[in-house]
Amino acid sequence: MTITLKTPVKGNYLKVMKAFDRNLFEALKPAIGEMEIVKFTGSSKGDTVHIRFLKPIKAEWISKIVEDKITADKAWFVDVGTSIPWPLATWEHHHIVEMIDETSSMVIDQMTFTGKNFLLTLLLYPAIFFGFFPRKSIYKKYFQKRFTSSPDNQVQA
């Protein structure tokens, strides 16, 4: 099953993609529950993200970045879950930043997943959708704050 969320943000697509770092990852932590980032090596092919959920459930989540690319009008990286919590069976997350114009971009989260069986896959859909939906407002605020409105989107000091 696939969920796609699109969010327009301030910032040139190359600078927005470069900002997919640990600071942004920290900002994207869910408000509900407790988790820690055990390891974050980046958003390039070969990097690893390891999260430990502490509350309300205990679980480990490890994803490997398996692809990254930049073209003339978009950039992306893909993470694949290598150790994911039950009831997930598979996880693939495409992080895409498309150019709208020189000072605006579209951040696209495209998550493809399956549960351990068809019923679990259906039940996971609303949980994942509502778990990722808050990212839309976080992205907007984060990039609005990070980039000025100047044509070349200089990072604010």
C-alpha atoms as a PDB file:
ATOM      1  CA  MET A   1       0.000   0.000   0.000  1.00  0.00           C
ATOM      2  CA  THR A   2       1.244   3.519  -0.743  1.00  0.00           C
ATOM      3  CA  ILE A   3       0.640   6.844   0.986  1.00  0.00           C
ATOM      4  CA  THR A   4       1.792  10.081  -0.660  1.00  0.00           C
ATOM      5  CA  LEU A   5       1.875  13.438   1.119  1.00  0.00           C
ATOM      6  CA  LYS A   6       2.864  16.638  -0.731  1.00  0.00           C
ATOM      7  CA  THR A   7       3.877  19.846   1.013  1.00  0.00           C
ATOM      8  CA  PRO A   8       4.880  23.120  -0.653  1.00  0.00           C
ATOM      9  CA  VAL A   9       7.760  24.810   1.198  1.00  0.00           C
ATOM     10  CA  LYS A  10      10.024  27.833   0.917  1.00  0.00           C
ATOM     11  CA  GLY A  11      13.477  27.181  -0.459  1.00  0.00           C
ATOM     12  CA  ASN A  12      15.277  26.123  -3.587  1.00  0.00           C
ATOM     13  CA  TYR A  13      14.929  22.373  -4.042  1.00  0.00           C
ATOM     14  CA  LEU A  14      18.677  21.728  -3.789  1.00  0.00           C
ATOM     15  CA  LYS A  15      18.964  23.603  -0.487  1.00  0.00           C
ATOM     16  CA  VAL A  16      15.806  21.956   0.851  1.00  0.00           C
ATOM     17  CA  MET A  17      17.193  18.509   0.024  1.00  0.00           C
ATOM     18  CA  LYS A  18      20.535  19.394   1.622  1.00  0.00           C
ATOM     19  CA  ALA A  19      18.595  20.279   4.800  1.00  0.00           C
ATOM     20  CA  PHE A  20      17.424  16.658   5.241  1.00  0.00           C
ATOM     21  CA  ASP A  21      19.884  16.237   8.085  1.00  0.00           C
ATOM     22  CA  ARG A  22      19.758  15.242  11.736  1.00  0.00           C
ATOM     23  CA  ASN A  23      18.304  18.640  12.748  1.00  0.00           C
ATOM     24  CA  LEU A  24      15.307  18.149  10.458  1.00  0.00           C
ATOM     25  CA  PHE A  25      14.991  14.534  11.573  1.00  0.00           C
ATOM     26  CA  GLU A  26      14.863  15.721  15.196  1.00  0.00           C
ATOM     27  CA  ALA A  27      12.177  18.280  14.269  1.00  0.00           C
ATOM     28  CA  LEU A  28      10.096  15.512  12.671  1.00  0.00           C
ATOM     29  CA  LYS A  29       9.926  13.371  15.819  1.00  0.00           C
ATOM     30  CA  PRO A  30       6.312  12.479  16.624  1.00  0.00           C
ATOM     31  CA  ALA A  31       4.744  14.579  19.385  1.00  0.00           C
ATOM     32  CA  ILE A  32       3.120  11.482  20.893  1.00  0.00           C
ATOM     33  CA  GLY A  33       5.278   8.869  22.566  1.00  0.00           C
ATOM     34  CA  GLU A  34       8.976   8.834  23.168  1.00  0.00           C
ATOM     35  CA  MET A  35      11.798   7.860  20.847  1.00  0.00           C
ATOM     36  CA  GLU A  36      15.513   8.305  20.534  1.00  0.00           C
ATOM     37  CA  ILE A  37      17.722   8.540  17.507  1.00  0.00           C
ATOM     38  CA  VAL A  38      20.363   5.866  18.042  1.00  0.00           C
ATOM     39  CA  LYS A  39      22.197   6.488  14.762  1.00  0.00           C
ATOM     40  CA  PHE A  40      21.791   8.952  11.906  1.00  0.00           C
ATOM     41  CA  THR A  41      24.604   8.935   9.370  1.00  0.00           C
ATOM     42  CA  GLY A  42      22.851  11.006   6.693  1.00  0.00           C
ATOM     43  CA  SER A  43      20.541  10.914   3.704  1.00  0.00           C
ATOM     44  CA  SER A  44      22.858   9.532   1.033  1.00  0.00           C
ATOM     45  CA  LYS A  45      23.130   6.042  -0.393  1.00  0.00           C
ATOM     46  CA  GLY A  46      24.781   3.770   2.161  1.00  0.00           C
ATOM     47  CA  ASP A  47      23.712   5.820   5.205  1.00  0.00           C
ATOM     48  CA  THR A  48      21.746   4.374   8.132  1.00  0.00           C
ATOM     49  CA  VAL A  49      18.968   5.643  10.379  1.00  0.00           C
ATOM     50  CA  HIS A  50      18.345   3.733  13.618  1.00  0.00           C
ATOM     51  CA  ILE A  51      15.444   4.759  15.857  1.00  0.00           C
ATOM     52  CA  ARG A  52      14.441   3.288  19.202  1.00  0.00           C
ATOM     53  CA  PHE A  53      10.830   3.770  20.259  1.00  0.00           C
ATOM     54  CA  LEU A  54      10.503   3.841  24.049  1.00  0.00           C
ATOM     55  CA  LYS A  55       6.839   4.750  24.673  1.00  0.00           C
ATOM     56  CA  PRO A  56       4.034   3.799  24.281  1.00  0.00           C
ATOM     57  CA  ILE A  57       5.666   0.653  22.849  1.00  0.00           C
ATOM     58  CA  LYS A  58       9.285  -0.471  22.707  1.00  0.00           C
ATOM     59  CA  ALA A  59      10.583  -1.168  19.222  1.00  0.00           C
ATOM     60  CA  GLU A  60      13.663  -0.775  17.038  1.00  0.00           C
ATOM     61  CA  TRP A  61      13.563   0.657  13.523  1.00  0.00           C
ATOM     62  CA  ILE A  62      16.571   0.543  11.223  1.00  0.00           C
ATOM     63  CA  SER A  63      16.483   1.873   7.672  1.00  0.00           C
ATOM     64  CA  LYS A  64      19.212   1.945   5.053  1.00  0.00           C
ATOM     65  CA  ILE A  65      19.425   4.647   2.400  1.00  0.00           C
ATOM     66  CA  VAL A  66      19.507   2.637  -0.832  1.00  0.00           C
ATOM     67  CA  GLU A  67      19.307   5.416  -3.420  1.00  0.00           C
ATOM     68  CA  ASP A  68      19.883   9.144  -3.813  1.00  0.00           C
ATOM     69  CA  LYS A  69      19.863  11.331  -6.904  1.00  0.00           C
ATOM     70  CA  ILE A  70      19.740  14.946  -8.043  1.00  0.00           C
ATOM     71  CA  THR A  71      18.370  16.071 -11.425  1.00  0.00           C
ATOM     72  CA  ALA A  72      17.722  19.474 -12.993  1.00  0.00           C
ATOM     73  CA  ASP A  73      14.348  19.811 -11.240  1.00  0.00           C
ATOM     74  CA  LYS A  74      14.218  17.357  -8.333  1.00  0.00           C
ATOM     75  CA  ALA A  75      16.250  15.470  -5.779  1.00  0.00           C
ATOM     76  CA  TRP A  76      15.458  12.393  -3.719  1.00  0.00           C
ATOM     77  CA  PHE A  77      16.638   9.630  -1.495  1.00  0.00           C
ATOM     78  CA  VAL A  78      15.014   6.327  -0.609  1.00  0.00           C
ATOM     79  CA  ASP A  79      15.163   4.489   2.688  1.00  0.00           C
ATOM     80  CA  VAL A  80      14.225   0.846   3.102  1.00  0.00           C
ATOM     81  CA  GLY A  81      13.407  -0.685   6.469  1.00  0.00           C
ATOM     82  CA  THR A  82      15.856  -3.464   7.258  1.00  0.00           C
ATOM     83  CA  SER A  83      14.659  -4.014  10.827  1.00  0.00           C
ATOM     84  CA  ILE A  84      11.119  -2.724  11.338  1.00  0.00           C
ATOM     85  CA  PRO A  85       8.579  -3.131  14.128  1.00  0.00           C
ATOM     86  CA  TRP A  86       5.809  -5.663  14.041  1.00  0.00           C
ATOM     87  CA  PRO A  87       3.220  -5.525  12.382  1.00  0.00           C
ATOM     88  CA  LEU A  88       5.141  -4.144   9.378  1.00  0.00           C
ATOM     89  CA  ALA A  89       6.533  -6.643   6.879  1.00  0.00           C
ATOM     90  CA  THR A  90       8.053  -4.151   4.393  1.00  0.00           C
ATOM     91  CA  TRP A  91       8.821  -0.423   4.335  1.00  0.00           C
ATOM     92  CA  GLU A  92      10.121   1.872   1.588  1.00  0.00           C
ATOM     93  CA  HIS A  93      10.080   5.663   1.938  1.00  0.00           C
ATOM     94  CA  HIS A  94      10.843   8.000  -0.955  1.00  0.00           C
ATOM     95  CA  HIS A  95      11.829  11.509   0.181  1.00  0.00           C
ATOM     96  CA  ILE A  96      11.429  13.703  -2.912  1.00  0.00           C
ATOM     97  CA  VAL A  97      11.979  17.446  -3.286  1.00  0.00           C
ATOM     98  CA  GLU A  98      10.721  18.905  -6.579  1.00  0.00           C
ATOM     99  CA  MET A  99      11.401  22.403  -7.832  1.00  0.00           C
ATOM    100  CA  ILE A 100       8.318  24.615  -8.052  1.00  0.00           C
ATOM    101  CA  ASP A 101      10.401  27.689  -8.896  1.00  0.00           C
ATOM    102  CA  GLU A 102      13.769  29.074  -7.799  1.00  0.00           C
ATOM    103  CA  THR A 103      12.532  29.883  -4.273  1.00  0.00           C
ATOM    104  CA  SER A 104       9.862  27.218  -3.661  1.00  0.00           C
ATOM    105  CA  SER A 105       9.807  23.444  -3.600  1.00  0.00           C
ATOM    106  CA  MET A 106       7.409  20.552  -3.098  1.00  0.00           C
ATOM    107  CA  VAL A 107       8.403  18.025  -0.439  1.00  0.00           C
ATOM    108  CA  ILE A 108       6.891  14.634  -1.191  1.00  0.00           C
ATOM    109  CA  ASP A 109       6.802  11.769   1.280  1.00  0.00           C
ATOM    110  CA  GLN A 110       5.860   8.553  -0.488  1.00  0.00           C
ATOM    111  CA  MET A 111       5.674   5.555   1.816  1.00  0.00           C
ATOM    112  CA  THR A 112       5.070   2.057   0.465  1.00  0.00           C
ATOM    113  CA  PHE A 113       4.498  -0.645   3.067  1.00  0.00           C
ATOM    114  CA  THR A 114       2.901  -3.977   3.789  1.00  0.00           C
ATOM    115  CA  GLY A 115       1.789  -5.531   7.022  1.00  0.00           C
ATOM    116  CA  LYS A 116       2.322  -9.143   8.026  1.00  0.00           C
ATOM    117  CA  ASN A 117      -0.997  -9.914   6.300  1.00  0.00           C
ATOM    118  CA  PHE A 118      -3.615  -8.107   4.214  1.00  0.00           C
ATOM    119  CA  LEU A 119      -5.783  -7.126   7.179  1.00  0.00           C
ATOM    120  CA  LEU A 120      -2.809  -5.636   9.040  1.00  0.00           C
ATOM    121  CA  THR A 121      -1.848  -3.709   5.894  1.00  0.00           C
ATOM    122  CA  LEU A 122      -5.322  -2.145   5.818  1.00  0.00           C
ATOM    123  CA  LEU A 123      -5.199  -1.351   9.535  1.00  0.00           C
ATOM    124  CA  LEU A 124      -1.747   0.222   9.213  1.00  0.00           C
ATOM    125  CA  TYR A 125      -2.896   2.706   6.562  1.00  0.00           C
ATOM    126  CA  PRO A 126      -4.656   5.181   8.900  1.00  0.00           C
ATOM    127  CA  ALA A 127      -1.948   4.835  11.572  1.00  0.00           C
ATOM    128  CA  ILE A 128       0.827   5.644   9.086  1.00  0.00           C
ATOM    129  CA  PHE A 129      -1.178   8.384   7.365  1.00  0.00           C
ATOM    130  CA  PHE A 130      -1.964  10.180  10.630  1.00  0.00           C
ATOM    131  CA  GLY A 131       1.547   9.506  11.935  1.00  0.00           C
ATOM    132  CA  PHE A 132       3.106  11.292   8.946  1.00  0.00           C
ATOM    133  CA  PHE A 133       0.464  13.984   8.319  1.00  0.00           C
ATOM    134  CA  PRO A 134       1.912  16.350  10.982  1.00  0.00           C
ATOM    135  CA  ARG A 135       5.106  16.511   8.889  1.00  0.00           C
ATOM    136  CA  LYS A 136       3.286  18.846   6.511  1.00  0.00           C
ATOM    137  CA  SER A 137       3.092  21.679   9.048  1.00  0.00           C
ATOM    138  CA  ILE A 138       6.552  20.861  10.439  1.00  0.00           C
ATOM    139  CA  TYR A 139       8.109  21.087   6.962  1.00  0.00           C
ATOM    140  CA  LYS A 140       6.371  24.413   6.263  1.00  0.00           C
ATOM    141  CA  LYS A 141       7.506  25.988   9.546  1.00  0.00           C
ATOM    142  CA  TYR A 142      10.995  24.490   9.430  1.00  0.00           C
ATOM    143  CA  PHE A 143      11.809  25.696   5.919  1.00  0.00           C
ATOM    144  CA  GLN A 144      10.074  29.059   6.369  1.00  0.00           C
ATOM    145  CA  LYS A 145      12.310  29.677   9.371  1.00  0.00           C
ATOM    146  CA  ARG A 146      15.444  28.259   7.765  1.00  0.00           C
ATOM    147  CA  PHE A 147      15.365  30.189   4.493  1.00  0.00           C
ATOM    148  CA  THR A 148      14.925  33.889   3.870  1.00  0.00           C
ATOM    149  CA  SER A 149      12.689  35.140   1.077  1.00  0.00           C
ATOM    150  CA  SER A 150      15.689  36.294  -0.964  1.00  0.00           C
ATOM    151  CA  PRO A 151      15.848  34.971  -4.545  1.00  0.00           C
ATOM    152  CA  ASP A 152      18.829  32.720  -3.815  1.00  0.00           C
ATOM    153  CA  ASN A 153      17.383  31.396  -0.516  1.00  0.00           C
ATOM    154  CA  GLN A 154      20.375  32.113   1.671  1.00  0.00           C
ATOM    155  CA  VAL A 155      20.374  30.226   4.957  1.00  0.00           C
ATOM    156  CA  GLN A 156      19.593  32.545   7.838  1.00  0.00           C
ATOM    157  CA  ALA A 157      22.345  32.952  10.396  1.00  0.00           C
END
